[in-house]
Amino acid sequence: ANNSPIPAASPFHGAAEVKPGPVNLAKARQLLKESGYDGQAIHLITSRRDPQMFDTAVIIQAMAAQAGLNLQIELLDWPAHLARYTSGSYQLMVESFSPRLDPTLSFGLFIGDKRTEPRKVWDSPQARALLAQATETADPTLRQSILDQLTQSFLREVPAVVLFNSARLSVVRAAVTGHENWLSAQPRLWGVGLH
């Protein structure tokens, strides 16, 4: 489980990123009532490209129903799903992303000008400024502070909901030396040998 855009395996995933979002059904129901929501269907787009995307959509649908939201899953093939994501043409979407080796790349998936990049869901001047600052500094302490601010704003403003990071495992024989898993989840054979 991870609510932050910064992957749990990242060295920048610290105390600010670990805080899970609270579940408050009473508050959710109150906000829905105040908004005038009357049960109309909201379309949740997903595909079966990655099995966890469809499974996640089913769980989200059930959890939303507890709060009083009527989510209807719209199952698309992967090319149609990706086209809708890229164009920003959806109400809700379950989307997975490949690993990013730097947290600024993870936040960059969400932050941007919706007029020029409709797929961006976080069009906040403050978020754009913080992302630029994090990109422009190499100081790990300063970067951590900026990334923590971005995470806190992300969790407060909720432009998207991050649920989890997928785990990838690799197994090698005892004779293999120098092999380690790494953040991008793809096999890496640099410095790997046999003894």
N, C-alpha and C. Protein backbone atom coordinates (compact mmCIF):
# COMPACT_ATOMS: atom_id res chain seq x y z
N ALA A 1 0.85 -1.19 0.00
CA ALA A 1 0.00 0.00 0.00
C ALA A 1 0.88 1.24 0.00
N ASN A 2 0.49 2.23 -0.79
CA ASN A 2 1.25 3.48 -0.86
C ASN A 2 0.34 4.54 -1.47
N ASN A 3 0.10 5.62 -0.74
CA ASN A 3 -0.74 6.72 -1.24
C ASN A 3 0.05 7.82 -1.92
N SER A 4 1.38 7.73 -1.90
CA SER A 4 2.22 8.78 -2.47
C SER A 4 2.63 8.42 -3.90
N PRO A 5 2.80 9.42 -4.77
CA PRO A 5 3.36 9.15 -6.10
C PRO A 5 4.80 8.66 -6.04
N ILE A 6 5.47 8.85 -4.89
CA ILE A 6 6.84 8.37 -4.75
C ILE A 6 6.79 6.89 -4.39
N PRO A 7 7.37 6.02 -5.22
CA PRO A 7 7.32 4.58 -4.95
C PRO A 7 7.92 4.24 -3.58
N ALA A 8 7.37 3.23 -2.94
CA ALA A 8 7.83 2.81 -1.62
C ALA A 8 9.30 2.39 -1.64
N ALA A 9 9.81 1.93 -2.77
CA ALA A 9 11.21 1.50 -2.86
C ALA A 9 12.18 2.66 -3.05
N SER A 10 11.67 3.87 -3.26
CA SER A 10 12.53 5.02 -3.50
C SER A 10 13.22 5.48 -2.22
N PRO A 11 14.48 5.93 -2.31
CA PRO A 11 15.12 6.50 -1.12
C PRO A 11 14.43 7.79 -0.66
N PHE A 12 13.58 8.39 -1.49
CA PHE A 12 12.86 9.61 -1.13
C PHE A 12 11.49 9.31 -0.54
N HIS A 13 11.16 8.04 -0.34
CA HIS A 13 9.89 7.67 0.29
C HIS A 13 10.13 7.64 1.79
N GLY A 14 9.79 8.75 2.45
CA GLY A 14 10.07 8.90 3.88
C GLY A 14 8.80 8.98 4.70
N ALA A 15 8.93 9.60 5.87
CA ALA A 15 7.82 9.67 6.83
C ALA A 15 6.60 10.38 6.26
N ALA A 16 6.79 11.45 5.49
CA ALA A 16 5.65 12.20 4.93
C ALA A 16 4.89 11.36 3.92
N GLU A 17 5.58 10.45 3.26
CA GLU A 17 4.96 9.64 2.21
C GLU A 17 4.25 8.41 2.76
N VAL A 18 4.55 8.03 3.98
CA VAL A 18 4.02 6.79 4.56
C VAL A 18 2.60 6.95 5.09
N LYS A 19 2.19 8.19 5.37
CA LYS A 19 0.89 8.41 6.01
C LYS A 19 -0.25 8.00 5.08
N PRO A 20 -1.03 6.98 5.47
CA PRO A 20 -2.17 6.59 4.63
C PRO A 20 -3.32 7.58 4.79
N GLY A 21 -4.10 7.70 3.73
CA GLY A 21 -5.26 8.57 3.79
C GLY A 21 -6.32 7.98 4.70
N PRO A 22 -7.04 8.82 5.43
CA PRO A 22 -8.09 8.31 6.34
C PRO A 22 -9.33 7.87 5.56
N VAL A 23 -10.05 6.94 6.13
CA VAL A 23 -11.34 6.51 5.57
C VAL A 23 -12.43 7.06 6.48
N ASN A 24 -13.31 7.88 5.90
CA ASN A 24 -14.37 8.50 6.69
C ASN A 24 -15.64 8.48 5.85
N LEU A 25 -16.39 7.38 5.96
CA LEU A 25 -17.61 7.21 5.17
C LEU A 25 -18.66 8.27 5.50
N ALA A 26 -18.77 8.63 6.76
CA ALA A 26 -19.77 9.64 7.14
C ALA A 26 -19.46 10.96 6.45
N LYS A 27 -18.20 11.36 6.44
CA LYS A 27 -17.80 12.62 5.78
C LYS A 27 -18.03 12.52 4.28
N ALA A 28 -17.72 11.37 3.69
CA ALA A 28 -17.94 11.17 2.25
C ALA A 28 -19.43 11.30 1.91
N ARG A 29 -20.27 10.68 2.70
CA ARG A 29 -21.72 10.78 2.47
C ARG A 29 -22.21 12.22 2.61
N GLN A 30 -21.67 12.92 3.62
CA GLN A 30 -22.05 14.32 3.85
C GLN A 30 -21.64 15.17 2.65
N LEU A 31 -20.43 14.99 2.16
CA LEU A 31 -19.95 15.77 1.01
C LEU A 31 -20.77 15.47 -0.25
N LEU A 32 -21.15 14.21 -0.44
CA LEU A 32 -21.99 13.86 -1.59
C LEU A 32 -23.35 14.54 -1.49
N LYS A 33 -23.91 14.54 -0.30
CA LYS A 33 -25.21 15.18 -0.10
C LYS A 33 -25.12 16.68 -0.36
N GLU A 34 -24.07 17.31 0.18
CA GLU A 34 -23.88 18.75 -0.02
C GLU A 34 -23.65 19.11 -1.48
N SER A 35 -23.06 18.18 -2.22
CA SER A 35 -22.77 18.46 -3.64
C SER A 35 -24.01 18.34 -4.52
N GLY A 36 -25.08 17.72 -3.98
CA GLY A 36 -26.28 17.53 -4.77
C GLY A 36 -26.26 16.23 -5.57
N TYR A 37 -25.30 15.39 -5.32
CA TYR A 37 -25.23 14.11 -6.03
C TYR A 37 -26.47 13.29 -5.72
N ASP A 38 -27.13 12.78 -6.78
CA ASP A 38 -28.37 12.03 -6.57
C ASP A 38 -28.32 10.61 -7.12
N GLY A 39 -27.12 10.03 -7.19
CA GLY A 39 -27.02 8.63 -7.58
C GLY A 39 -26.76 8.38 -9.05
N GLN A 40 -26.58 9.44 -9.84
CA GLN A 40 -26.32 9.21 -11.27
C GLN A 40 -25.02 8.42 -11.44
N ALA A 41 -24.97 7.64 -12.52
CA ALA A 41 -23.81 6.79 -12.78
C ALA A 41 -22.58 7.62 -13.11
N ILE A 42 -21.48 7.21 -12.54
CA ILE A 42 -20.17 7.78 -12.85
C ILE A 42 -19.37 6.64 -13.47
N HIS A 43 -18.80 6.90 -14.63
CA HIS A 43 -18.09 5.85 -15.37
C HIS A 43 -16.64 5.75 -14.92
N LEU A 44 -16.24 4.54 -14.56
CA LEU A 44 -14.88 4.23 -14.14
C LEU A 44 -14.24 3.37 -15.22
N ILE A 45 -13.30 3.95 -15.95
CA ILE A 45 -12.67 3.25 -17.08
C ILE A 45 -11.50 2.42 -16.58
N THR A 46 -11.40 1.23 -17.14
CA THR A 46 -10.25 0.37 -16.87
C THR A 46 -10.09 -0.60 -18.02
N SER A 47 -9.07 -1.42 -17.93
CA SER A 47 -8.85 -2.47 -18.92
C SER A 47 -8.28 -3.68 -18.20
N ARG A 48 -8.03 -4.71 -18.94
CA ARG A 48 -7.42 -5.92 -18.37
C ARG A 48 -5.96 -6.06 -18.79
N ARG A 49 -5.35 -4.95 -19.25
CA ARG A 49 -3.95 -5.00 -19.67
C ARG A 49 -3.09 -5.54 -18.54
N ASP A 50 -3.26 -4.96 -17.36
CA ASP A 50 -2.63 -5.48 -16.14
C ASP A 50 -3.77 -6.00 -15.28
N PRO A 51 -3.69 -7.26 -14.84
CA PRO A 51 -4.81 -7.83 -14.06
C PRO A 51 -5.19 -6.97 -12.86
N GLN A 52 -4.22 -6.31 -12.24
CA GLN A 52 -4.54 -5.53 -11.05
C GLN A 52 -5.40 -4.31 -11.37
N MET A 53 -5.39 -3.82 -12.61
CA MET A 53 -6.21 -2.65 -12.93
C MET A 53 -7.70 -3.00 -12.84
N PHE A 54 -8.10 -4.11 -13.45
CA PHE A 54 -9.51 -4.49 -13.39
C PHE A 54 -9.90 -4.84 -11.95
N ASP A 55 -9.05 -5.61 -11.27
CA ASP A 55 -9.35 -5.99 -9.89
C ASP A 55 -9.50 -4.75 -9.00
N THR A 56 -8.63 -3.77 -9.21
CA THR A 56 -8.70 -2.52 -8.45
C THR A 56 -10.00 -1.78 -8.73
N ALA A 57 -10.43 -1.77 -9.99
CA ALA A 57 -11.68 -1.09 -10.35
C ALA A 57 -12.87 -1.73 -9.62
N VAL A 58 -12.87 -3.04 -9.52
CA VAL A 58 -13.97 -3.74 -8.82
C VAL A 58 -13.97 -3.37 -7.33
N ILE A 59 -12.80 -3.30 -6.74
CA ILE A 59 -12.71 -2.93 -5.32
C ILE A 59 -13.14 -1.48 -5.12
N ILE A 60 -12.70 -0.59 -6.00
CA ILE A 60 -13.09 0.82 -5.90
C ILE A 60 -14.60 0.96 -6.04
N GLN A 61 -15.19 0.23 -6.97
CA GLN A 61 -16.64 0.27 -7.16
C GLN A 61 -17.37 -0.12 -5.87
N ALA A 62 -16.90 -1.19 -5.23
CA ALA A 62 -17.54 -1.66 -3.99
C ALA A 62 -17.35 -0.65 -2.86
N MET A 63 -16.16 -0.08 -2.74
CA MET A 63 -15.91 0.90 -1.69
C MET A 63 -16.72 2.18 -1.92
N ALA A 64 -16.82 2.60 -3.17
CA ALA A 64 -17.60 3.80 -3.49
C ALA A 64 -19.08 3.58 -3.16
N ALA A 65 -19.57 2.37 -3.40
CA ALA A 65 -20.97 2.06 -3.10
C ALA A 65 -21.26 2.23 -1.61
N GLN A 66 -20.27 1.92 -0.76
CA GLN A 66 -20.46 2.11 0.68
C GLN A 66 -20.69 3.58 1.03
N ALA A 67 -20.09 4.46 0.24
CA ALA A 67 -20.27 5.90 0.49
C ALA A 67 -21.50 6.45 -0.22
N GLY A 68 -22.09 5.66 -1.13
CA GLY A 68 -23.27 6.12 -1.86
C GLY A 68 -23.01 6.54 -3.29
N LEU A 69 -21.83 6.25 -3.81
CA LEU A 69 -21.51 6.57 -5.20
C LEU A 69 -21.87 5.40 -6.11
N ASN A 70 -22.45 5.71 -7.24
CA ASN A 70 -22.83 4.71 -8.23
C ASN A 70 -21.77 4.69 -9.34
N LEU A 71 -20.75 3.86 -9.17
CA LEU A 71 -19.71 3.75 -10.19
C LEU A 71 -20.03 2.59 -11.12
N GLN A 72 -19.96 2.85 -12.41
CA GLN A 72 -20.17 1.83 -13.43
C GLN A 72 -18.84 1.60 -14.14
N ILE A 73 -18.35 0.37 -14.09
CA ILE A 73 -17.07 0.05 -14.71
C ILE A 73 -17.26 -0.03 -16.22
N GLU A 74 -16.41 0.68 -16.93
CA GLU A 74 -16.39 0.66 -18.39
C GLU A 74 -15.08 -0.01 -18.80
N LEU A 75 -15.17 -1.24 -19.27
CA LEU A 75 -13.99 -2.03 -19.62
C LEU A 75 -13.62 -1.79 -21.08
N LEU A 76 -12.41 -1.28 -21.31
CA LEU A 76 -11.93 -0.98 -22.65
C LEU A 76 -10.71 -1.84 -22.98
N ASP A 77 -10.46 -2.04 -24.27
CA ASP A 77 -9.20 -2.68 -24.62
C ASP A 77 -8.09 -1.66 -24.38
N TRP A 78 -6.83 -2.15 -24.29
CA TRP A 78 -5.74 -1.26 -23.89
C TRP A 78 -5.55 -0.06 -24.81
N PRO A 79 -5.57 -0.21 -26.13
CA PRO A 79 -5.39 0.99 -26.96
C PRO A 79 -6.47 2.06 -26.72
N ALA A 80 -7.71 1.64 -26.56
CA ALA A 80 -8.79 2.62 -26.29
C ALA A 80 -8.61 3.25 -24.91
N HIS A 81 -8.24 2.44 -23.94
CA HIS A 81 -7.99 2.93 -22.58
C HIS A 81 -6.89 3.99 -22.61
N LEU A 82 -5.77 3.68 -23.26
CA LEU A 82 -4.65 4.61 -23.32
C LEU A 82 -5.02 5.90 -24.06
N ALA A 83 -5.81 5.77 -25.12
CA ALA A 83 -6.25 6.96 -25.87
C ALA A 83 -7.11 7.86 -24.99
N ARG A 84 -7.99 7.27 -24.20
CA ARG A 84 -8.84 8.08 -23.31
C ARG A 84 -8.01 8.75 -22.22
N TYR A 85 -7.00 8.03 -21.69
CA TYR A 85 -6.10 8.62 -20.69
C TYR A 85 -5.36 9.81 -21.29
N THR A 86 -4.77 9.61 -22.46
CA THR A 86 -3.97 10.65 -23.09
C THR A 86 -4.78 11.89 -23.41
N SER A 87 -6.03 11.69 -23.84
CA SER A 87 -6.88 12.83 -24.21
C SER A 87 -7.58 13.45 -23.00
N GLY A 88 -7.52 12.79 -21.85
CA GLY A 88 -8.21 13.30 -20.66
C GLY A 88 -9.71 13.12 -20.75
N SER A 89 -10.17 12.22 -21.61
CA SER A 89 -11.59 12.02 -21.86
C SER A 89 -12.15 10.89 -20.99
N TYR A 90 -12.36 11.20 -19.72
CA TYR A 90 -12.91 10.23 -18.78
C TYR A 90 -13.39 10.94 -17.53
N GLN A 91 -14.28 10.27 -16.78
CA GLN A 91 -14.69 10.79 -15.48
C GLN A 91 -13.75 10.27 -14.41
N LEU A 92 -13.60 8.96 -14.34
CA LEU A 92 -12.67 8.30 -13.43
C LEU A 92 -11.95 7.21 -14.22
N MET A 93 -10.72 6.92 -13.81
CA MET A 93 -9.95 5.91 -14.53
C MET A 93 -9.00 5.21 -13.56
N VAL A 94 -8.89 3.90 -13.73
CA VAL A 94 -7.84 3.15 -13.06
C VAL A 94 -6.72 3.00 -14.08
N GLU A 95 -5.56 3.51 -13.72
CA GLU A 95 -4.41 3.54 -14.63
C GLU A 95 -3.19 3.05 -13.88
N SER A 96 -2.35 2.31 -14.55
CA SER A 96 -1.08 1.92 -13.93
C SER A 96 0.05 2.59 -14.69
N PHE A 97 1.15 2.78 -14.00
CA PHE A 97 2.30 3.45 -14.59
C PHE A 97 3.53 2.59 -14.38
N SER A 98 4.41 2.62 -15.35
CA SER A 98 5.67 1.91 -15.20
C SER A 98 6.54 2.65 -14.19
N PRO A 99 7.51 1.96 -13.61
CA PRO A 99 8.34 2.60 -12.58
C PRO A 99 9.11 3.81 -13.12
N ARG A 100 9.30 4.79 -12.27
CA ARG A 100 10.11 5.96 -12.57
C ARG A 100 11.27 5.98 -11.57
N LEU A 101 12.48 6.19 -12.06
CA LEU A 101 13.64 6.12 -11.18
C LEU A 101 13.83 7.37 -10.33
N ASP A 102 13.18 8.46 -10.69
CA ASP A 102 13.30 9.70 -9.90
C ASP A 102 11.89 10.17 -9.53
N PRO A 103 11.70 10.61 -8.28
CA PRO A 103 10.37 11.04 -7.84
C PRO A 103 9.78 12.18 -8.68
N THR A 104 10.64 13.05 -9.25
CA THR A 104 10.10 14.13 -10.06
C THR A 104 9.40 13.58 -11.31
N LEU A 105 9.87 12.45 -11.80
CA LEU A 105 9.22 11.83 -12.95
C LEU A 105 7.86 11.24 -12.55
N SER A 106 7.79 10.72 -11.33
CA SER A 106 6.50 10.21 -10.84
C SER A 106 5.49 11.35 -10.68
N PHE A 107 5.91 12.44 -10.05
CA PHE A 107 5.00 13.58 -9.91
C PHE A 107 4.68 14.18 -11.27
N GLY A 108 5.63 14.13 -12.19
CA GLY A 108 5.42 14.67 -13.53
C GLY A 108 4.31 13.97 -14.29
N LEU A 109 3.96 12.76 -13.88
CA LEU A 109 2.82 12.06 -14.49
C LEU A 109 1.51 12.81 -14.23
N PHE A 110 1.44 13.49 -13.09
CA PHE A 110 0.20 14.13 -12.65
C PHE A 110 0.18 15.64 -12.86
N ILE A 111 1.33 16.29 -12.70
CA ILE A 111 1.40 17.75 -12.65
C ILE A 111 1.61 18.34 -14.05
N GLY A 112 0.78 19.32 -14.39
CA GLY A 112 0.97 20.01 -15.67
C GLY A 112 -0.23 20.86 -16.04
N ASP A 113 -0.08 21.56 -17.13
CA ASP A 113 -1.11 22.45 -17.65
C ASP A 113 -2.11 21.64 -18.46
N LYS A 114 -3.33 21.51 -17.97
CA LYS A 114 -4.36 20.70 -18.64
C LYS A 114 -4.72 21.25 -20.02
N ARG A 115 -4.47 22.53 -20.26
CA ARG A 115 -4.79 23.09 -21.57
C ARG A 115 -3.87 22.53 -22.65
N THR A 116 -2.63 22.24 -22.28
CA THR A 116 -1.68 21.71 -23.26
C THR A 116 -1.47 20.21 -23.12
N GLU A 117 -1.75 19.66 -21.93
CA GLU A 117 -1.62 18.23 -21.67
C GLU A 117 -2.87 17.75 -20.94
N PRO A 118 -3.93 17.40 -21.68
CA PRO A 118 -5.21 17.05 -21.04
C PRO A 118 -5.13 15.85 -20.08
N ARG A 119 -4.10 15.02 -20.20
CA ARG A 119 -3.98 13.86 -19.32
C ARG A 119 -3.55 14.23 -17.91
N LYS A 120 -3.05 15.46 -17.73
CA LYS A 120 -2.58 15.89 -16.42
C LYS A 120 -3.79 16.16 -15.51
N VAL A 121 -3.73 15.67 -14.28
CA VAL A 121 -4.85 15.83 -13.36
C VAL A 121 -4.57 16.84 -12.26
N TRP A 122 -3.34 17.32 -12.17
CA TRP A 122 -3.00 18.26 -11.11
C TRP A 122 -2.44 19.52 -11.74
N ASP A 123 -3.34 20.46 -12.01
CA ASP A 123 -2.99 21.71 -12.68
C ASP A 123 -2.92 22.81 -11.63
N SER A 124 -1.94 22.70 -10.75
CA SER A 124 -1.80 23.65 -9.65
C SER A 124 -0.50 24.43 -9.83
N PRO A 125 -0.56 25.77 -9.81
CA PRO A 125 0.66 26.56 -9.92
C PRO A 125 1.68 26.22 -8.83
N GLN A 126 1.20 25.98 -7.60
CA GLN A 126 2.11 25.64 -6.51
C GLN A 126 2.79 24.30 -6.78
N ALA A 127 2.03 23.31 -7.25
CA ALA A 127 2.62 22.00 -7.54
C ALA A 127 3.63 22.11 -8.67
N ARG A 128 3.31 22.89 -9.70
CA ARG A 128 4.26 23.07 -10.81
C ARG A 128 5.55 23.73 -10.33
N ALA A 129 5.42 24.72 -9.44
CA ALA A 129 6.61 25.41 -8.91
C ALA A 129 7.46 24.46 -8.07
N LEU A 130 6.82 23.68 -7.20
CA LEU A 130 7.56 22.73 -6.37
C LEU A 130 8.24 21.66 -7.23
N LEU A 131 7.55 21.19 -8.26
CA LEU A 131 8.14 20.19 -9.15
C LEU A 131 9.38 20.77 -9.84
N ALA A 132 9.29 22.01 -10.29
CA ALA A 132 10.45 22.66 -10.93
C ALA A 132 11.61 22.77 -9.94
N GLN A 133 11.31 23.14 -8.70
CA GLN A 133 12.37 23.25 -7.69
C GLN A 133 13.03 21.89 -7.43
N ALA A 134 12.22 20.85 -7.32
CA ALA A 134 12.77 19.51 -7.07
C ALA A 134 13.62 19.03 -8.24
N THR A 135 13.25 19.44 -9.44
CA THR A 135 13.99 19.05 -10.64
C THR A 135 15.32 19.80 -10.74
N GLU A 136 15.35 21.01 -10.21
CA GLU A 136 16.52 21.88 -10.38
C GLU A 136 17.58 21.73 -9.31
N THR A 137 17.31 20.97 -8.25
CA THR A 137 18.32 20.82 -7.20
C THR A 137 18.79 19.38 -7.10
N ALA A 138 20.07 19.23 -6.78
CA ALA A 138 20.64 17.90 -6.58
C ALA A 138 20.86 17.61 -5.10
N ASP A 139 20.66 18.60 -4.25
CA ASP A 139 20.87 18.43 -2.81
C ASP A 139 19.80 17.49 -2.25
N PRO A 140 20.20 16.30 -1.76
CA PRO A 140 19.20 15.31 -1.30
C PRO A 140 18.31 15.83 -0.17
N THR A 141 18.85 16.59 0.75
CA THR A 141 18.06 17.11 1.87
C THR A 141 17.02 18.11 1.38
N LEU A 142 17.44 19.02 0.51
CA LEU A 142 16.51 20.00 -0.04
C LEU A 142 15.46 19.31 -0.91
N ARG A 143 15.89 18.35 -1.72
CA ARG A 143 14.93 17.60 -2.56
C ARG A 143 13.90 16.89 -1.68
N GLN A 144 14.35 16.25 -0.60
CA GLN A 144 13.41 15.54 0.28
C GLN A 144 12.38 16.50 0.84
N SER A 145 12.81 17.68 1.25
CA SER A 145 11.89 18.67 1.80
C SER A 145 10.86 19.08 0.74
N ILE A 146 11.31 19.33 -0.47
CA ILE A 146 10.40 19.74 -1.56
C ILE A 146 9.45 18.60 -1.90
N LEU A 147 9.98 17.39 -2.00
CA LEU A 147 9.14 16.23 -2.33
C LEU A 147 8.13 15.95 -1.23
N ASP A 148 8.52 16.16 0.03
CA ASP A 148 7.57 16.02 1.13
C ASP A 148 6.44 17.03 1.01
N GLN A 149 6.78 18.28 0.64
CA GLN A 149 5.74 19.30 0.43
C GLN A 149 4.81 18.90 -0.70
N LEU A 150 5.38 18.38 -1.78
CA LEU A 150 4.55 17.92 -2.90
C LEU A 150 3.62 16.79 -2.46
N THR A 151 4.17 15.83 -1.70
CA THR A 151 3.35 14.71 -1.22
C THR A 151 2.22 15.21 -0.34
N GLN A 152 2.52 16.10 0.59
CA GLN A 152 1.48 16.61 1.49
C GLN A 152 0.39 17.35 0.72
N SER A 153 0.79 18.15 -0.28
CA SER A 153 -0.20 18.85 -1.12
C SER A 153 -1.02 17.84 -1.92
N PHE A 154 -0.37 16.83 -2.46
CA PHE A 154 -1.05 15.79 -3.24
C PHE A 154 -2.11 15.09 -2.39
N LEU A 155 -1.73 14.73 -1.16
CA LEU A 155 -2.67 14.02 -0.28
C LEU A 155 -3.79 14.94 0.20
N ARG A 156 -3.53 16.22 0.31
CA ARG A 156 -4.55 17.18 0.74
C ARG A 156 -5.52 17.52 -0.40
N GLU A 157 -4.97 17.77 -1.60
CA GLU A 157 -5.78 18.21 -2.73
C GLU A 157 -6.43 17.04 -3.48
N VAL A 158 -5.87 15.88 -3.43
CA VAL A 158 -6.35 14.64 -4.05
C VAL A 158 -6.65 14.81 -5.55
N PRO A 159 -5.67 15.19 -6.36
CA PRO A 159 -5.90 15.23 -7.80
C PRO A 159 -6.00 13.82 -8.39
N ALA A 160 -5.43 12.86 -7.68
CA ALA A 160 -5.49 11.45 -8.06
C ALA A 160 -5.33 10.66 -6.76
N VAL A 161 -5.64 9.39 -6.82
CA VAL A 161 -5.48 8.53 -5.65
C VAL A 161 -4.50 7.42 -6.03
N VAL A 162 -3.37 7.41 -5.35
CA VAL A 162 -2.41 6.33 -5.53
C VAL A 162 -2.76 5.26 -4.50
N LEU A 163 -2.83 4.02 -4.93
CA LEU A 163 -3.24 2.94 -4.03
C LEU A 163 -2.09 2.04 -3.60
N PHE A 164 -1.24 1.66 -4.55
CA PHE A 164 -0.19 0.70 -4.22
C PHE A 164 0.89 0.71 -5.28
N ASN A 165 2.02 0.13 -4.93
CA ASN A 165 3.09 -0.14 -5.89
C ASN A 165 3.13 -1.64 -6.09
N SER A 166 3.24 -2.06 -7.32
CA SER A 166 3.37 -3.48 -7.60
C SER A 166 4.74 -3.96 -7.14
N ALA A 167 4.82 -5.20 -6.74
CA ALA A 167 6.09 -5.79 -6.32
C ALA A 167 6.59 -6.72 -7.42
N ARG A 168 7.88 -6.67 -7.66
CA ARG A 168 8.51 -7.58 -8.61
C ARG A 168 9.61 -8.31 -7.87
N LEU A 169 9.64 -9.60 -8.00
CA LEU A 169 10.66 -10.42 -7.35
C LEU A 169 11.51 -11.08 -8.42
N SER A 170 12.76 -11.29 -8.10
CA SER A 170 13.61 -12.07 -9.00
C SER A 170 14.37 -13.08 -8.16
N VAL A 171 14.62 -14.22 -8.75
CA VAL A 171 15.30 -15.30 -8.06
C VAL A 171 16.46 -15.74 -8.92
N VAL A 172 17.62 -15.92 -8.30
CA VAL A 172 18.79 -16.40 -9.01
C VAL A 172 19.40 -17.56 -8.23
N ARG A 173 20.19 -18.36 -8.92
CA ARG A 173 20.86 -19.47 -8.25
C ARG A 173 21.94 -18.96 -7.30
N ALA A 174 22.34 -19.79 -6.36
CA ALA A 174 23.35 -19.41 -5.37
C ALA A 174 24.68 -19.06 -6.03
N ALA A 175 24.95 -19.58 -7.21
CA ALA A 175 26.22 -19.32 -7.89
C ALA A 175 26.28 -17.93 -8.52
N VAL A 176 25.15 -17.23 -8.58
CA VAL A 176 25.11 -15.90 -9.18
C VAL A 176 25.47 -14.87 -8.10
N THR A 177 26.40 -13.97 -8.45
CA THR A 177 26.80 -12.93 -7.50
C THR A 177 26.48 -11.55 -8.09
N GLY A 178 26.28 -10.60 -7.21
CA GLY A 178 26.10 -9.21 -7.63
C GLY A 178 24.71 -8.86 -8.13
N HIS A 179 23.75 -9.77 -8.04
CA HIS A 179 22.40 -9.47 -8.52
C HIS A 179 21.58 -8.81 -7.41
N GLU A 180 20.90 -7.72 -7.76
CA GLU A 180 19.99 -7.05 -6.83
C GLU A 180 18.75 -6.61 -7.58
N ASN A 181 17.60 -6.64 -6.88
CA ASN A 181 16.40 -6.01 -7.45
C ASN A 181 16.63 -4.52 -7.44
N TRP A 182 15.93 -3.80 -8.32
CA TRP A 182 16.06 -2.36 -8.31
C TRP A 182 14.74 -1.73 -8.67
N LEU A 183 14.66 -0.41 -8.49
CA LEU A 183 13.41 0.33 -8.56
C LEU A 183 12.65 0.18 -9.87
N SER A 184 13.34 -0.01 -11.00
CA SER A 184 12.61 -0.04 -12.26
C SER A 184 11.94 -1.39 -12.52
N ALA A 185 12.17 -2.37 -11.67
CA ALA A 185 11.49 -3.67 -11.72
C ALA A 185 11.87 -4.54 -12.91
N GLN A 186 12.81 -4.12 -13.70
CA GLN A 186 13.28 -4.93 -14.82
C GLN A 186 14.60 -5.57 -14.44
N PRO A 187 14.89 -6.77 -14.96
CA PRO A 187 16.17 -7.40 -14.62
C PRO A 187 17.34 -6.51 -15.06
N ARG A 188 18.30 -6.38 -14.19
CA ARG A 188 19.50 -5.59 -14.47
C ARG A 188 20.72 -6.49 -14.21
N LEU A 189 21.57 -6.63 -15.19
CA LEU A 189 22.67 -7.57 -15.07
C LEU A 189 24.03 -6.89 -14.97
N TRP A 190 24.06 -5.62 -14.64
CA TRP A 190 25.33 -4.92 -14.46
C TRP A 190 26.04 -5.47 -13.23
N GLY A 191 27.26 -5.88 -13.39
CA GLY A 191 28.04 -6.38 -12.27
C GLY A 191 27.66 -7.76 -11.81
N VAL A 192 26.85 -8.47 -12.55
CA VAL A 192 26.41 -9.81 -12.18
C VAL A 192 27.41 -10.82 -12.74
N GLY A 193 27.74 -11.80 -11.94
CA GLY A 193 28.67 -12.83 -12.39
C GLY A 193 28.38 -14.16 -11.73
N LEU A 194 29.20 -15.13 -12.06
CA LEU A 194 29.10 -16.48 -11.49
C LEU A 194 30.33 -16.73 -10.64
N HIS A 195 30.16 -17.44 -9.56
CA HIS A 195 31.35 -17.83 -8.78
C HIS A 195 31.44 -19.34 -8.72
